[in-house]
PDB file of N, CA and C in Angstrom:
ATOM      1  N   MET A   1       0.833  -1.175   0.000  1.00  0.00           N
ATOM      2  CA  MET A   1       0.000   0.000   0.000  1.00  0.00           C
ATOM      3  C   MET A   1       0.884   1.246   0.000  1.00  0.00           C
ATOM      4  N   LYS A   2       0.601   2.165  -0.857  1.00  0.00           N
ATOM      5  CA  LYS A   2       1.344   3.416  -0.936  1.00  0.00           C
ATOM      6  C   LYS A   2       0.722   4.438   0.003  1.00  0.00           C
ATOM      7  N   HIS A   3       1.581   5.159   0.709  1.00  0.00           N
ATOM      8  CA  HIS A   3       1.105   6.215   1.599  1.00  0.00           C
ATOM      9  C   HIS A   3       0.588   7.388   0.786  1.00  0.00           C
ATOM     10  N   LYS A   4      -0.443   8.005   1.291  1.00  0.00           N
ATOM     11  CA  LYS A   4      -0.961   9.249   0.719  1.00  0.00           C
ATOM     12  C   LYS A   4      -0.996  10.264   1.833  1.00  0.00           C
ATOM     13  N   TYR A   5      -0.820  11.495   1.465  1.00  0.00           N
ATOM     14  CA  TYR A   5      -0.812  12.571   2.432  1.00  0.00           C
ATOM     15  C   TYR A   5      -2.004  13.470   2.168  1.00  0.00           C
ATOM     16  N   LEU A   6      -1.969  14.689   2.583  1.00  0.00           N
ATOM     17  CA  LEU A   6      -3.081  15.599   2.344  1.00  0.00           C
ATOM     18  C   LEU A   6      -3.300  15.778   0.854  1.00  0.00           C
ATOM     19  N   LYS A   7      -4.540  15.778   0.433  1.00  0.00           N
ATOM     20  CA  LYS A   7      -4.887  15.863  -0.979  1.00  0.00           C
ATOM     21  C   LYS A   7      -4.602  17.256  -1.547  1.00  0.00           C
ATOM     22  N   ASN A   8      -3.944  17.272  -2.676  1.00  0.00           N
ATOM     23  CA  ASN A   8      -3.692  18.494  -3.449  1.00  0.00           C
ATOM     24  C   ASN A   8      -2.910  19.578  -2.711  1.00  0.00           C
ATOM     25  N   VAL A   9      -1.966  19.205  -1.862  1.00  0.00           N
ATOM     26  CA  VAL A   9      -1.169  20.220  -1.181  1.00  0.00           C
ATOM     27  C   VAL A   9       0.333  20.143  -1.475  1.00  0.00           C
ATOM     28  N   ALA A  10       0.797  19.054  -2.043  1.00  0.00           N
ATOM     29  CA  ALA A  10       2.226  18.910  -2.316  1.00  0.00           C
ATOM     30  C   ALA A  10       2.689  19.996  -3.278  1.00  0.00           C
ATOM     31  N   THR A  11       3.889  20.506  -3.036  1.00  0.00           N
ATOM     32  CA  THR A  11       4.448  21.583  -3.846  1.00  0.00           C
ATOM     33  C   THR A  11       5.192  21.070  -5.078  1.00  0.00           C
ATOM     34  N   LEU A  12       5.134  19.794  -5.330  1.00  0.00           N
ATOM     35  CA  LEU A  12       5.851  19.158  -6.435  1.00  0.00           C
ATOM     36  C   LEU A  12       5.377  19.659  -7.800  1.00  0.00           C
ATOM     37  N   ARG A  13       6.361  20.038  -8.644  1.00  0.00           N
ATOM     38  CA  ARG A  13       6.076  20.469 -10.013  1.00  0.00           C
ATOM     39  C   ARG A  13       7.087  19.827 -10.964  1.00  0.00           C
ATOM     40  N   LEU A  14       6.627  19.417 -12.123  1.00  0.00           N
ATOM     41  CA  LEU A  14       7.475  18.795 -13.145  1.00  0.00           C
ATOM     42  C   LEU A  14       7.285  19.527 -14.464  1.00  0.00           C
ATOM     43  N   SER A  15       8.388  19.923 -15.082  1.00  0.00           N
ATOM     44  CA  SER A  15       8.345  20.550 -16.391  1.00  0.00           C
ATOM     45  C   SER A  15       8.663  19.486 -17.441  1.00  0.00           C
ATOM     46  N   ALA A  16       7.632  19.007 -18.125  1.00  0.00           N
ATOM     47  CA  ALA A  16       7.819  17.970 -19.149  1.00  0.00           C
ATOM     48  C   ALA A  16       8.714  18.472 -20.282  1.00  0.00           C
ATOM     49  N   GLU A  17       8.684  19.776 -20.544  1.00  0.00           N
ATOM     50  CA  GLU A  17       9.504  20.343 -21.616  1.00  0.00           C
ATOM     51  C   GLU A  17      10.995  20.225 -21.304  1.00  0.00           C
ATOM     52  N   LYS A  18      11.371  20.364 -20.032  1.00  0.00           N
ATOM     53  CA  LYS A  18      12.780  20.277 -19.641  1.00  0.00           C
ATOM     54  C   LYS A  18      13.254  18.841 -19.466  1.00  0.00           C
ATOM     55  N   CYS A  19      12.341  17.923 -19.183  1.00  0.00           N
ATOM     56  CA  CYS A  19      12.691  16.533 -18.877  1.00  0.00           C
ATOM     57  C   CYS A  19      13.412  15.882 -20.045  1.00  0.00           C
ATOM     58  N   ILE A  20      14.548  15.208 -19.732  1.00  0.00           N
ATOM     59  CA  ILE A  20      15.313  14.491 -20.759  1.00  0.00           C
ATOM     60  C   ILE A  20      15.114  12.980 -20.669  1.00  0.00           C
ATOM     61  N   GLY A  21      14.276  12.546 -19.756  1.00  0.00           N
ATOM     62  CA  GLY A  21      13.947  11.127 -19.659  1.00  0.00           C
ATOM     63  C   GLY A  21      15.014  10.248 -19.057  1.00  0.00           C
ATOM     64  N   CYS A  22      15.837  10.789 -18.160  1.00  0.00           N
ATOM     65  CA  CYS A  22      16.909   9.992 -17.555  1.00  0.00           C
ATOM     66  C   CYS A  22      16.374   8.966 -16.555  1.00  0.00           C
ATOM     67  N   GLY A  23      15.201   9.213 -15.973  1.00  0.00           N
ATOM     68  CA  GLY A  23      14.598   8.271 -15.030  1.00  0.00           C
ATOM     69  C   GLY A  23      15.137   8.343 -13.617  1.00  0.00           C
ATOM     70  N   LYS A  24      15.993   9.310 -13.331  1.00  0.00           N
ATOM     71  CA  LYS A  24      16.572   9.420 -11.995  1.00  0.00           C
ATOM     72  C   LYS A  24      15.500   9.669 -10.935  1.00  0.00           C
ATOM     73  N   CYS A  25      14.475  10.445 -11.285  1.00  0.00           N
ATOM     74  CA  CYS A  25      13.393  10.720 -10.323  1.00  0.00           C
ATOM     75  C   CYS A  25      12.666   9.437  -9.937  1.00  0.00           C
ATOM     76  N   VAL A  26      12.446   8.567 -10.898  1.00  0.00           N
ATOM     77  CA  VAL A  26      11.790   7.285 -10.632  1.00  0.00           C
ATOM     78  C   VAL A  26      12.663   6.456  -9.690  1.00  0.00           C
ATOM     79  N   GLU A  27      13.962   6.512  -9.922  1.00  0.00           N
ATOM     80  CA  GLU A  27      14.925   5.730  -9.144  1.00  0.00           C
ATOM     81  C   GLU A  27      15.013   6.191  -7.692  1.00  0.00           C
ATOM     82  N   VAL A  28      14.981   7.497  -7.444  1.00  0.00           N
ATOM     83  CA  VAL A  28      15.243   8.002  -6.096  1.00  0.00           C
ATOM     84  C   VAL A  28      14.000   8.281  -5.257  1.00  0.00           C
ATOM     85  N   CYS A  29      12.838   8.358  -5.865  1.00  0.00           N
ATOM     86  CA  CYS A  29      11.624   8.684  -5.106  1.00  0.00           C
ATOM     87  C   CYS A  29      11.237   7.526  -4.189  1.00  0.00           C
ATOM     88  N   PRO A  30      11.176   7.772  -2.869  1.00  0.00           N
ATOM     89  CA  PRO A  30      10.854   6.685  -1.943  1.00  0.00           C
ATOM     90  C   PRO A  30       9.401   6.236  -1.975  1.00  0.00           C
ATOM     91  N   HIS A  31       8.518   7.008  -2.595  1.00  0.00           N
ATOM     92  CA  HIS A  31       7.094   6.659  -2.586  1.00  0.00           C
ATOM     93  C   HIS A  31       6.513   6.416  -3.961  1.00  0.00           C
ATOM     94  N   GLY A  32       7.358   6.260  -4.975  1.00  0.00           N
ATOM     95  CA  GLY A  32       6.864   5.903  -6.299  1.00  0.00           C
ATOM     96  C   GLY A  32       5.966   6.949  -6.925  1.00  0.00           C
ATOM     97  N   VAL A  33       6.277   8.217  -6.718  1.00  0.00           N
ATOM     98  CA  VAL A  33       5.456   9.296  -7.250  1.00  0.00           C
ATOM     99  C   VAL A  33       5.571   9.376  -8.777  1.00  0.00           C
ATOM    100  N   PHE A  34       6.736   9.019  -9.303  1.00  0.00           N
ATOM    101  CA  PHE A  34       7.016   9.174 -10.734  1.00  0.00           C
ATOM    102  C   PHE A  34       6.981   7.855 -11.494  1.00  0.00           C
ATOM    103  N   SER A  35       6.708   7.958 -12.787  1.00  0.00           N
ATOM    104  CA  SER A  35       6.853   6.843 -13.714  1.00  0.00           C
ATOM    105  C   SER A  35       7.425   7.427 -14.999  1.00  0.00           C
ATOM    106  N   MET A  36       7.801   6.561 -15.900  1.00  0.00           N
ATOM    107  CA  MET A  36       8.290   7.006 -17.205  1.00  0.00           C
ATOM    108  C   MET A  36       7.209   6.714 -18.232  1.00  0.00           C
ATOM    109  N   ASN A  37       6.967   7.678 -19.109  1.00  0.00           N
ATOM    110  CA  ASN A  37       5.956   7.537 -20.144  1.00  0.00           C
ATOM    111  C   ASN A  37       6.492   8.182 -21.420  1.00  0.00           C
ATOM    112  N   GLU A  38       6.695   7.371 -22.433  1.00  0.00           N
ATOM    113  CA  GLU A  38       7.220   7.852 -23.710  1.00  0.00           C
ATOM    114  C   GLU A  38       8.508   8.653 -23.531  1.00  0.00           C
ATOM    115  N   LYS A  39       9.430   8.083 -22.765  1.00  0.00           N
ATOM    116  CA  LYS A  39      10.757   8.656 -22.518  1.00  0.00           C
ATOM    117  C   LYS A  39      10.733  10.009 -21.814  1.00  0.00           C
ATOM    118  N   LYS A  40       9.709  10.229 -21.014  1.00  0.00           N
ATOM    119  CA  LYS A  40       9.593  11.424 -20.183  1.00  0.00           C
ATOM    120  C   LYS A  40       9.072  11.005 -18.814  1.00  0.00           C
ATOM    121  N   ALA A  41       9.475  11.743 -17.794  1.00  0.00           N
ATOM    122  CA  ALA A  41       8.952  11.487 -16.452  1.00  0.00           C
ATOM    123  C   ALA A  41       7.511  11.978 -16.382  1.00  0.00           C
ATOM    124  N   LYS A  42       6.758  11.297 -15.545  1.00  0.00           N
ATOM    125  CA  LYS A  42       5.351  11.647 -15.345  1.00  0.00           C
ATOM    126  C   LYS A  42       5.048  11.524 -13.859  1.00  0.00           C
ATOM    127  N   ILE A  43       4.290  12.463 -13.320  1.00  0.00           N
ATOM    128  CA  ILE A  43       3.852  12.354 -11.934  1.00  0.00           C
ATOM    129  C   ILE A  43       2.642  11.426 -11.904  1.00  0.00           C
ATOM    130  N   GLU A  44       2.803  10.287 -11.249  1.00  0.00           N
ATOM    131  CA  GLU A  44       1.727   9.301 -11.154  1.00  0.00           C
ATOM    132  C   GLU A  44       0.665   9.719 -10.140  1.00  0.00           C
ATOM    133  N   ASP A  45       1.123  10.145  -8.961  1.00  0.00           N
ATOM    134  CA  ASP A  45       0.197  10.530  -7.908  1.00  0.00           C
ATOM    135  C   ASP A  45       0.879  11.537  -6.995  1.00  0.00           C
ATOM    136  N   LYS A  46       0.593  12.794  -7.210  1.00  0.00           N
ATOM    137  CA  LYS A  46       1.210  13.882  -6.456  1.00  0.00           C
ATOM    138  C   LYS A  46       0.924  13.776  -4.959  1.00  0.00           C
ATOM    139  N   ASP A  47      -0.194  13.177  -4.599  1.00  0.00           N
ATOM    140  CA  ASP A  47      -0.570  13.061  -3.189  1.00  0.00           C
ATOM    141  C   ASP A  47       0.299  12.069  -2.417  1.00  0.00           C
ATOM    142  N   ARG A  48       1.126  11.295  -3.097  1.00  0.00           N
ATOM    143  CA  ARG A  48       2.076  10.401  -2.431  1.00  0.00           C
ATOM    144  C   ARG A  48       3.375  11.130  -2.063  1.00  0.00           C
ATOM    145  N   CYS A  49       3.572  12.328  -2.591  1.00  0.00           N
ATOM    146  CA  CYS A  49       4.816  13.075  -2.380  1.00  0.00           C
ATOM    147  C   CYS A  49       4.933  13.529  -0.934  1.00  0.00           C
ATOM    148  N   MET A  50       6.068  13.197  -0.295  1.00  0.00           N
ATOM    149  CA  MET A  50       6.312  13.638   1.074  1.00  0.00           C
ATOM    150  C   MET A  50       7.266  14.821   1.105  1.00  0.00           C
ATOM    151  N   GLU A  51       7.561  15.390  -0.051  1.00  0.00           N
ATOM    152  CA  GLU A  51       8.363  16.601  -0.202  1.00  0.00           C
ATOM    153  C   GLU A  51       9.761  16.462   0.397  1.00  0.00           C
ATOM    154  N   CYS A  52      10.392  15.307   0.170  1.00  0.00           N
ATOM    155  CA  CYS A  52      11.747  15.095   0.679  1.00  0.00           C
ATOM    156  C   CYS A  52      12.792  15.811  -0.173  1.00  0.00           C
ATOM    157  N   GLY A  53      12.489  16.029  -1.448  1.00  0.00           N
ATOM    158  CA  GLY A  53      13.397  16.753  -2.335  1.00  0.00           C
ATOM    159  C   GLY A  53      14.388  15.905  -3.103  1.00  0.00           C
ATOM    160  N   ALA A  54      14.358  14.585  -2.912  1.00  0.00           N
ATOM    161  CA  ALA A  54      15.322  13.721  -3.602  1.00  0.00           C
ATOM    162  C   ALA A  54      15.216  13.828  -5.116  1.00  0.00           C
ATOM    163  N   CYS A  55      14.009  13.926  -5.620  1.00  0.00           N
ATOM    164  CA  CYS A  55      13.812  14.004  -7.076  1.00  0.00           C
ATOM    165  C   CYS A  55      14.433  15.275  -7.643  1.00  0.00           C
ATOM    166  N   ALA A  56      14.166  16.409  -7.018  1.00  0.00           N
ATOM    167  CA  ALA A  56      14.683  17.688  -7.506  1.00  0.00           C
ATOM    168  C   ALA A  56      16.201  17.744  -7.400  1.00  0.00           C
ATOM    169  N   LYS A  57      16.747  17.221  -6.313  1.00  0.00           N
ATOM    170  CA  LYS A  57      18.199  17.254  -6.133  1.00  0.00           C
ATOM    171  C   LYS A  57      18.919  16.381  -7.144  1.00  0.00           C
ATOM    172  N   ASN A  58      18.264  15.356  -7.630  1.00  0.00           N
ATOM    173  CA  ASN A  58      18.891  14.429  -8.569  1.00  0.00           C
ATOM    174  C   ASN A  58      18.533  14.697 -10.026  1.00  0.00           C
ATOM    175  N   CYS A  59      17.697  15.679 -10.285  1.00  0.00           N
ATOM    176  CA  CYS A  59      17.312  15.999 -11.660  1.00  0.00           C
ATOM    177  C   CYS A  59      18.423  16.810 -12.319  1.00  0.00           C
ATOM    178  N   LEU A  60      19.019  16.228 -13.343  1.00  0.00           N
ATOM    179  CA  LEU A  60      20.166  16.843 -14.015  1.00  0.00           C
ATOM    180  C   LEU A  60      19.826  18.147 -14.723  1.00  0.00           C
ATOM    181  N   VAL A  61      18.587  18.308 -15.143  1.00  0.00           N
ATOM    182  CA  VAL A  61      18.205  19.478 -15.940  1.00  0.00           C
ATOM    183  C   VAL A  61      17.231  20.399 -15.205  1.00  0.00           C
ATOM    184  N   LYS A  62      17.070  20.195 -13.899  1.00  0.00           N
ATOM    185  CA  LYS A  62      16.200  21.042 -13.076  1.00  0.00           C
ATOM    186  C   LYS A  62      14.763  21.086 -13.597  1.00  0.00           C
ATOM    187  N   ALA A  63      14.253  19.929 -14.041  1.00  0.00           N
ATOM    188  CA  ALA A  63      12.879  19.835 -14.530  1.00  0.00           C
ATOM    189  C   ALA A  63      11.884  19.652 -13.389  1.00  0.00           C
ATOM    190  N   ILE A  64      12.394  19.391 -12.184  1.00  0.00           N
ATOM    191  CA  ILE A  64      11.532  19.133 -11.033  1.00  0.00           C
ATOM    192  C   ILE A  64      11.785  20.185  -9.963  1.00  0.00           C
ATOM    193  N   ASN A  65      10.711  20.703  -9.414  1.00  0.00           N
ATOM    194  CA  ASN A  65      10.778  21.637  -8.294  1.00  0.00           C
ATOM    195  C   ASN A  65       9.867  21.133  -7.188  1.00  0.00           C
ATOM    196  N   VAL A  66      10.350  21.251  -5.970  1.00  0.00           N
ATOM    197  CA  VAL A  66       9.543  20.903  -4.801  1.00  0.00           C
ATOM    198  C   VAL A  66      10.084  21.701  -3.621  1.00  0.00           C
ATOM    199  N   ASP A  67       9.209  22.179  -2.783  1.00  0.00           N
ATOM    200  CA  ASP A  67       9.629  22.896  -1.584  1.00  0.00           C
ATOM    201  C   ASP A  67       9.967  21.855  -0.526  1.00  0.00           C
ATOM    202  N   ALA A  68      11.202  21.368  -0.569  1.00  0.00           N
ATOM    203  CA  ALA A  68      11.636  20.326   0.362  1.00  0.00           C
ATOM    204  C   ALA A  68      11.665  20.858   1.786  1.00  0.00           C
ATOM    205  N   GLY A  69      11.318  19.998   2.709  1.00  0.00           N
ATOM    206  CA  GLY A  69      11.373  20.350   4.119  1.00  0.00           C
ATOM    207  C   GLY A  69      10.103  20.961   4.672  1.00  0.00           C
ATOM    208  N   VAL A  70       9.030  20.947   3.890  1.00  0.00           N
ATOM    209  CA  VAL A  70       7.788  21.539   4.383  1.00  0.00           C
ATOM    210  C   VAL A  70       6.715  20.491   4.668  1.00  0.00           C
ATOM    211  N   GLY A  71       6.946  19.256   4.296  1.00  0.00           N
ATOM    212  CA  GLY A  71       5.915  18.230   4.429  1.00  0.00           C
ATOM    213  C   GLY A  71       6.257  17.166   5.437  1.00  0.00           C
ATOM    214  N   CYS A  72       5.818  15.962   5.140  1.00  0.00           N
ATOM    215  CA  CYS A  72       5.971  14.836   6.059  1.00  0.00           C
ATOM    216  C   CYS A  72       7.426  14.458   6.290  1.00  0.00           C
ATOM    217  N   ALA A  73       8.268  14.580   5.269  1.00  0.00           N
ATOM    218  CA  ALA A  73       9.680  14.247   5.451  1.00  0.00           C
ATOM    219  C   ALA A  73      10.286  15.126   6.533  1.00  0.00           C
ATOM    220  N   SER A  74       9.958  16.399   6.500  1.00  0.00           N
ATOM    221  CA  SER A  74      10.462  17.325   7.503  1.00  0.00           C
ATOM    222  C   SER A  74       9.975  16.937   8.896  1.00  0.00           C
ATOM    223  N   ALA A  75       8.704  16.556   9.007  1.00  0.00           N
ATOM    224  CA  ALA A  75       8.145  16.171  10.303  1.00  0.00           C
ATOM    225  C   ALA A  75       8.838  14.939  10.860  1.00  0.00           C
ATOM    226  N   VAL A  76       9.110  13.958  10.021  1.00  0.00           N
ATOM    227  CA  VAL A  76       9.782  12.741  10.463  1.00  0.00           C
ATOM    228  C   VAL A  76      11.202  13.059  10.937  1.00  0.00           C
ATOM    229  N   ILE A  77      11.929  13.852  10.153  1.00  0.00           N
ATOM    230  CA  ILE A  77      13.304  14.208  10.517  1.00  0.00           C
ATOM    231  C   ILE A  77      13.326  15.005  11.820  1.00  0.00           C
ATOM    232  N   MET A  78      12.420  15.964  11.970  1.00  0.00           N
ATOM    233  CA  MET A  78      12.368  16.739  13.213  1.00  0.00           C
ATOM    234  C   MET A  78      12.016  15.851  14.403  1.00  0.00           C
ATOM    235  N   GLY A  79      11.188  14.851  14.173  1.00  0.00           N
ATOM    236  CA  GLY A  79      10.875  13.895  15.232  1.00  0.00           C
ATOM    237  C   GLY A  79      12.105  13.130  15.679  1.00  0.00           C
ATOM    238  N   TRP A  80      12.933  12.718  14.696  1.00  0.00           N
ATOM    239  CA  TRP A  80      14.182  12.016  15.025  1.00  0.00           C
ATOM    240  C   TRP A  80      15.118  12.923  15.817  1.00  0.00           C
ATOM    241  N   ILE A  81      15.242  14.157  15.373  1.00  0.00           N
ATOM    242  CA  ILE A  81      16.163  15.099  16.004  1.00  0.00           C
ATOM    243  C   ILE A  81      15.728  15.421  17.430  1.00  0.00           C
ATOM    244  N   THR A  82      14.454  15.659  17.616  1.00  0.00           N
ATOM    245  CA  THR A  82      13.957  16.072  18.928  1.00  0.00           C
ATOM    246  C   THR A  82      13.553  14.903  19.823  1.00  0.00           C
ATOM    247  N   GLY A  83      13.484  13.706  19.254  1.00  0.00           N
ATOM    248  CA  GLY A  83      13.067  12.542  20.029  1.00  0.00           C
ATOM    249  C   GLY A  83      11.582  12.500  20.299  1.00  0.00           C
ATOM    250  N   SER A  84      10.820  13.231  19.489  1.00  0.00           N
ATOM    251  CA  SER A  84       9.375  13.276  19.674  1.00  0.00           C
ATOM    252  C   SER A  84       8.670  12.581  18.506  1.00  0.00           C
ATOM    253  N   GLU A  85       7.370  12.436  18.653  1.00  0.00           N
ATOM    254  CA  GLU A  85       6.573  11.848  17.581  1.00  0.00           C
ATOM    255  C   GLU A  85       6.454  12.847  16.433  1.00  0.00           C
ATOM    256  N   PRO A  86       6.537  12.380  15.184  1.00  0.00           N
ATOM    257  CA  PRO A  86       6.354  13.285  14.050  1.00  0.00           C
ATOM    258  C   PRO A  86       4.964  13.913  14.082  1.00  0.00           C
ATOM    259  N   SER A  87       4.905  15.178  13.734  1.00  0.00           N
ATOM    260  CA  SER A  87       3.636  15.869  13.677  1.00  0.00           C
ATOM    261  C   SER A  87       3.555  16.651  12.373  1.00  0.00           C
ATOM    262  N   CYS A  88       2.908  16.039  11.390  1.00  0.00           N
ATOM    263  CA  CYS A  88       2.800  16.698  10.095  1.00  0.00           C
ATOM    264  C   CYS A  88       1.350  16.913   9.696  1.00  0.00           C
ATOM    265  N   ASP A  89       0.433  16.450  10.512  1.00  0.00           N
ATOM    266  CA  ASP A  89      -0.997  16.609  10.263  1.00  0.00           C
ATOM    267  C   ASP A  89      -1.460  16.017   8.939  1.00  0.00           C
ATOM    268  N   CYS A  90      -0.774  14.992   8.463  1.00  0.00           N
ATOM    269  CA  CYS A  90      -1.136  14.427   7.166  1.00  0.00           C
ATOM    270  C   CYS A  90      -2.010  13.195   7.291  1.00  0.00           C
ATOM    271  N   SER A  91      -2.113  12.661   8.449  1.00  0.00           N
ATOM    272  CA  SER A  91      -2.888  11.430   8.565  1.00  0.00           C
ATOM    273  C   SER A  91      -4.302  11.709   9.034  1.00  0.00           C
ATOM    274  N   SER A  92      -5.167  10.832   8.651  1.00  0.00           N
ATOM    275  CA  SER A  92      -6.562  11.021   9.032  1.00  0.00           C
ATOM    276  C   SER A  92      -6.947  10.192  10.239  1.00  0.00           C
ATOM    277  N   GLY A  93      -6.054   9.327  10.689  1.00  0.00           N
ATOM    278  CA  GLY A  93      -6.441   8.472  11.804  1.00  0.00           C
ATOM    279  C   GLY A  93      -5.323   8.116  12.740  1.00  0.00           C
ATOM    280  N   GLY A  94      -4.912   9.007  13.585  1.00  0.00           N
ATOM    281  CA  GLY A  94      -4.013   8.686  14.672  1.00  0.00           C
ATOM    282  C   GLY A  94      -2.569   8.414  14.329  1.00  0.00           C
ATOM    283  N   GLU A  95      -2.273   7.805  13.233  1.00  0.00           N
ATOM    284  CA  GLU A  95      -0.903   7.449  12.878  1.00  0.00           C
ATOM    285  C   GLU A  95      -0.393   8.443  11.855  1.00  0.00           C
ATOM    286  N   CYS A  96       0.846   8.859  12.010  1.00  0.00           N
ATOM    287  CA  CYS A  96       1.385   9.868  11.092  1.00  0.00           C
ATOM    288  C   CYS A  96       2.554   9.303  10.301  1.00  0.00           C
ATOM    289  N   CYS A  97       2.673   9.750   9.117  1.00  0.00           N
ATOM    290  CA  CYS A  97       3.790   9.440   8.215  1.00  0.00           C
ATOM    291  C   CYS A  97       4.176   7.988   8.287  1.00  0.00           C
TER     292      CYS A  97
END
C-alpha cells in the first residue's frame, strides 16, 4: 500500500519540456510518485509526495521543483532530532507518516 498525504497540497512540479527522460526521479523517489511515459517522467500521484526533495536534487536538468522540508519528510526528521513523535498533520487516523 502506498502512503498518501493531504490531498492536493504537495508543492511538487514537473516541467515535461525540460525533462530528458533519464529516469533518476523514478529511481530516487521513496514513494513511487514518478513513472516514465514515452521517454519522459510523469507524476503518477502527487498526493504520495512527502516533499523530501530527492527528485529535484537528482534531476540533471532542473525539470523538477519541490519545496523540500515543508511536508511529512520534515516532520519525520524533526521527530528524530527532537526525540518526539512526528507531527505533520497528514494522517486522518491517529498514525502519522
